[in-house]
Protein backbone atom coordinates (compact mmCIF):
# COMPACT_ATOMS: atom_id res chain seq x y z
CA MET A 1 -165.65 -75.49 91.39
CA ILE A 2 -164.39 -71.88 91.40
CA LYS A 3 -166.63 -69.68 89.25
CA ASN A 4 -165.38 -66.22 90.25
CA PRO A 5 -163.00 -64.99 87.47
CA ALA A 6 -161.02 -62.87 89.94
CA LEU A 7 -160.42 -65.88 92.20
CA ILE A 8 -159.39 -68.00 89.22
CA THR A 9 -156.85 -65.34 88.20
CA LEU A 10 -155.53 -65.13 91.75
CA PHE A 11 -155.19 -68.91 91.94
CA VAL A 12 -153.22 -69.01 88.70
CA LEU A 13 -150.87 -66.23 89.74
CA LEU A 14 -150.11 -67.88 93.08
CA SER A 15 -148.58 -70.90 91.35
CA VAL A 16 -144.77 -70.85 91.52
CA CYS A 17 -143.99 -71.20 87.80
CA LEU A 18 -146.57 -71.65 85.08
CA SER A 19 -146.31 -72.26 81.36
CA ALA A 20 -148.91 -73.04 78.72
CA GLN A 21 -147.74 -74.88 75.62
CA LYS A 22 -150.37 -73.18 73.47
CA GLY A 23 -149.07 -69.67 72.82
CA LYS A 24 -146.00 -70.34 74.95
CA LEU A 25 -147.05 -68.25 77.92
CA PHE A 26 -144.85 -68.18 81.01
CA THR A 27 -145.58 -66.60 84.38
CA VAL A 28 -142.65 -65.63 86.58
CA THR A 29 -144.06 -65.05 90.04
CA ALA A 30 -142.86 -62.53 92.58
CA GLY A 31 -139.62 -63.61 94.21
CA SER A 32 -138.89 -66.30 91.58
CA ARG A 33 -135.92 -66.23 89.22
CA ILE A 34 -136.62 -66.13 85.49
CA GLU A 35 -134.30 -69.07 84.86
CA ASP A 36 -136.32 -71.16 87.34
CA CYS A 37 -139.62 -70.43 85.59
CA ILE A 38 -138.58 -70.39 81.93
CA PRO A 39 -136.47 -73.50 81.16
CA PHE A 40 -133.09 -73.23 79.47
CA GLY A 41 -134.48 -75.02 76.41
CA GLU A 42 -137.12 -72.29 75.99
CA ARG A 43 -134.78 -69.37 76.66
CA TYR A 44 -132.01 -70.56 74.34
CA ARG A 45 -131.87 -71.76 70.73
CA PHE A 46 -129.55 -74.69 71.43
CA PRO A 47 -129.63 -77.18 74.33
CA GLU A 48 -126.13 -76.06 75.36
CA PHE A 49 -123.49 -73.54 74.37
CA THR A 50 -121.96 -74.90 71.17
CA THR A 51 -118.80 -74.03 69.24
CA GLY A 52 -119.57 -71.61 66.45
CA LYS A 53 -118.04 -68.83 64.38
CA VAL A 54 -118.73 -65.12 64.27
CA PHE A 55 -117.93 -63.61 60.86
CA PHE A 56 -117.21 -59.88 60.81
CA ARG A 57 -117.71 -57.44 57.96
CA ASN A 58 -113.97 -56.68 57.88
CA GLY A 59 -113.27 -60.26 56.74
CA THR A 60 -112.13 -61.66 60.11
CA ASN A 61 -113.83 -64.32 62.19
CA THR A 62 -113.58 -65.81 65.64
CA GLU A 63 -114.51 -69.21 67.04
CA VAL A 64 -116.19 -69.47 70.45
CA LYS A 65 -118.94 -71.35 72.29
CA LEU A 66 -122.22 -69.62 71.41
CA ASN A 67 -125.94 -69.71 72.04
CA TYR A 68 -128.80 -67.36 71.19
CA ASN A 69 -130.92 -66.11 74.09
CA PHE A 70 -134.53 -65.51 72.98
CA LEU A 71 -135.46 -63.71 76.18
CA VAL A 72 -132.92 -60.90 75.93
CA ARG A 73 -132.43 -61.23 72.14
CA GLU A 74 -128.67 -61.56 72.39
CA MET A 75 -126.05 -63.84 70.89
CA GLN A 76 -124.10 -64.93 73.95
CA TYR A 77 -120.73 -66.62 74.40
CA ILE A 78 -118.75 -68.28 77.14
CA HIS A 79 -115.67 -66.47 78.41
CA GLY A 80 -114.07 -68.33 81.28
CA LYS A 81 -116.84 -68.78 83.83
CA ASP A 82 -118.88 -65.86 82.50
CA THR A 83 -121.72 -65.69 79.97
CA LEU A 84 -121.33 -62.51 77.92
CA ALA A 85 -123.24 -60.91 75.05
CA ILE A 86 -121.80 -59.96 71.66
CA SER A 87 -122.40 -56.23 71.61
CA ASN A 88 -121.06 -55.05 68.24
CA GLU A 89 -123.92 -56.30 66.05
CA GLY A 90 -123.24 -53.66 63.41
CA ASP A 91 -119.82 -55.19 62.72
CA ILE A 92 -121.17 -58.74 62.26
CA LEU A 93 -121.89 -60.28 58.87
CA GLN A 94 -123.25 -63.60 60.13
CA VAL A 95 -122.97 -66.15 62.92
CA ILE A 96 -122.89 -69.90 62.31
CA VAL A 97 -123.60 -72.33 65.15
CA ALA A 98 -124.05 -76.07 64.57
CA ASP A 99 -124.77 -75.55 60.86
CA THR A 100 -127.36 -72.90 61.71
CA THR A 101 -126.83 -69.44 60.23
CA PHE A 102 -127.91 -66.17 61.82
CA VAL A 103 -127.82 -62.81 60.04
CA ILE A 104 -128.36 -59.32 61.40
CA ASN A 105 -131.64 -57.59 60.60
CA LYS A 106 -132.31 -55.19 63.48
CA GLY A 107 -131.30 -58.09 65.68
CA TYR A 108 -130.56 -61.74 64.96
CA VAL A 109 -132.58 -63.69 62.39
CA GLU A 110 -132.08 -67.42 61.87
CA LEU A 111 -132.10 -68.62 58.25
CA ILE A 112 -134.43 -71.62 58.09
CA TYR A 113 -134.50 -71.92 54.28
CA ASN A 114 -131.46 -70.83 52.32
CA ASP A 115 -131.54 -71.39 48.56
CA LYS A 116 -132.69 -69.16 45.71
CA VAL A 117 -135.45 -68.26 48.13
CA ILE A 118 -134.31 -67.30 51.63
CA VAL A 119 -136.57 -67.49 54.69
CA GLY A 120 -135.66 -66.13 58.11
CA LEU A 121 -137.10 -66.65 61.58
CA ARG A 122 -136.89 -64.33 64.58
CA GLN A 123 -137.91 -65.87 67.91
CA TYR A 124 -138.23 -63.75 71.01
CA PHE A 125 -140.06 -63.19 74.28
CA ASN A 126 -142.44 -60.32 74.93
CA LEU A 127 -143.13 -59.08 78.43
CA LEU A 128 -146.92 -58.93 78.20
CA ASP A 129 -147.87 -57.81 81.65
CA VAL A 130 -146.61 -56.89 85.12
CA ARG A 131 -149.03 -57.71 87.91
CA LYS A 132 -148.52 -55.92 91.20
CA LYS A 133 -149.95 -56.63 94.64
CA ASP A 134 -151.20 -53.82 96.81
CA PRO A 135 -150.71 -53.85 100.62
CA TYR A 136 -153.84 -56.01 100.93
CA GLY A 137 -152.49 -58.71 98.59
CA VAL A 138 -154.82 -57.87 95.71
CA ILE A 139 -153.25 -58.24 92.27
CA GLY A 140 -153.62 -55.51 89.67
CA SER A 141 -152.39 -55.30 86.11
CA GLY A 142 -149.62 -52.82 85.36
CA SER A 143 -147.72 -51.64 82.31
CA ALA A 144 -145.31 -54.01 80.59
CA THR A 145 -143.34 -51.22 78.94
CA ASP A 146 -140.38 -51.59 81.30
CA SER A 147 -139.57 -54.76 79.32
CA TYR A 148 -136.07 -56.21 79.10
CA GLY A 149 -134.03 -53.30 80.41
CA SER A 150 -135.60 -53.76 83.81
CA ILE A 151 -134.62 -57.41 84.14
CA HIS A 152 -131.30 -57.75 82.35
CA SER A 153 -128.00 -55.93 82.14
CA GLY A 154 -124.54 -57.05 81.13
CA GLY A 155 -125.48 -60.71 80.89
CA GLN A 156 -127.00 -60.76 84.39
CA TYR A 157 -130.65 -60.88 85.46
CA PHE A 158 -132.07 -58.44 88.00
CA LYS A 159 -134.06 -60.12 90.76
CA LEU A 160 -137.80 -59.58 90.49
CA THR A 161 -139.28 -57.44 93.21
CA MET A 162 -141.38 -59.30 95.74
CA ASP A 163 -144.66 -57.62 94.74
CA GLN A 164 -144.57 -58.31 90.99
CA ASP A 165 -145.60 -61.24 88.81
CA ARG A 166 -144.58 -61.07 85.15
CA LEU A 167 -146.21 -62.70 82.14
CA PHE A 168 -144.01 -63.52 79.13
CA GLN A 169 -144.97 -64.90 75.73
CA LYS A 170 -142.68 -66.58 73.23
CA SER A 171 -143.34 -65.42 69.67
CA SER A 172 -142.05 -65.90 66.13
CA LEU A 173 -141.75 -63.63 63.09
CA TYR A 174 -140.98 -64.92 59.59
CA TYR A 175 -139.13 -63.09 56.83
CA ILE A 176 -138.40 -63.61 53.15
CA ALA A 177 -135.43 -62.07 51.35
CA THR A 178 -135.75 -59.66 48.44
CA SER A 179 -133.46 -59.82 45.40
CA SER A 180 -131.14 -57.35 47.16
CA GLY A 181 -130.95 -59.54 50.27
CA GLU A 182 -133.19 -57.39 52.45
CA LEU A 183 -135.39 -59.39 54.82
CA VAL A 184 -139.05 -58.36 54.72
CA PRO A 185 -142.10 -59.90 56.47
CA PHE A 186 -143.13 -63.19 54.86
CA THR A 187 -146.69 -62.28 53.84
CA LYS A 188 -148.85 -62.89 50.78
CA LYS A 189 -148.57 -59.22 49.80
CA LYS A 190 -144.75 -59.28 49.91
CA VAL A 191 -144.58 -62.54 47.96
CA MET A 192 -146.75 -61.10 45.19
CA LEU A 193 -144.44 -58.08 44.96
CA LEU A 194 -141.32 -60.27 44.85
CA PHE A 195 -142.67 -62.69 42.18
CA PRO A 196 -144.87 -60.58 39.87
CA ALA A 197 -144.27 -62.86 36.86
CA ASN A 198 -145.63 -65.86 38.80
CA LYS A 199 -148.71 -64.22 40.28
CA LYS A 200 -151.21 -66.68 38.77
CA ALA A 201 -149.26 -69.77 39.89
CA ILE A 202 -148.87 -68.36 43.40
CA GLU A 203 -152.57 -67.51 43.66
CA ASP A 204 -153.48 -71.05 42.55
CA TYR A 205 -151.12 -72.52 45.16
CA LEU A 206 -152.54 -70.36 47.95
CA LYS A 207 -156.10 -71.26 46.97
CA SER A 208 -155.38 -74.98 47.09
CA ASP A 209 -153.12 -75.05 50.14
CA LYS A 210 -154.51 -72.20 52.31
CA VAL A 211 -151.08 -71.28 53.72
CA ASP A 212 -151.01 -70.23 57.36
CA PHE A 213 -148.34 -67.52 57.39
CA ASP A 214 -147.75 -68.15 61.10
CA SER A 215 -146.91 -71.83 60.53
CA ARG A 216 -143.25 -72.71 60.06
CA ASN A 217 -143.96 -75.98 58.25
CA GLU A 218 -146.46 -74.43 55.84
CA LEU A 219 -144.15 -71.51 55.07
CA LEU A 220 -141.28 -73.89 54.37
CA ARG A 221 -143.44 -75.85 51.92
CA PHE A 222 -144.48 -72.59 50.28
CA ALA A 223 -140.82 -71.50 50.09
CA GLU A 224 -139.98 -74.79 48.36
CA PHE A 225 -142.73 -74.11 45.82
CA LEU A 226 -141.42 -70.58 45.19
CA ASN A 227 -137.87 -71.89 44.93
CA ASN A 228 -138.83 -74.38 42.23
CA MET A 229 -140.85 -72.02 40.06
């Protein structure tokens, strides 16, 4: 049994492609392609590019095969044999793919509850760490601030350098809409501000149900409660 923490870390990093379901951590090892280490189903919202519509603020729309890429946070489309990114986000009102609606809120947010109460979800990858090997093969932890620009440009991935392993984590952020349609973080504090007349009922609900504000299912049940008040 290996007891040395440094050896354990080295052993983990030498695996070709690693992912942990809890926390959705993915290691892309030196010399490996991102698409070989992070499956398509984790990188994209839909299992394949699907016909959808992009609705523009000027009243026009266009129909094309679309998919949302969590890794680079882009809505992408198929053009011939190429996969391209929609670049004019400021001109877009919403995107609908397979009955799923995305709106723009400093990037794409998927609407997961859309009634009197509106709940949005942003899913994305963070580059947590870059681990570099010195000439002796020892791995050290480096800055992750080079993020997406260093691995992606114009719909294409840069190859990882041979002396770098990268650790990615898939994360989620939840939003609730204000009366003006602005999406704000879905937190207890924001809910109390949005529903001041129902403060007592909301407090009673939260005491009895202990809502985890990082849980999609619990937030959807809470949204249903707020919607029916």
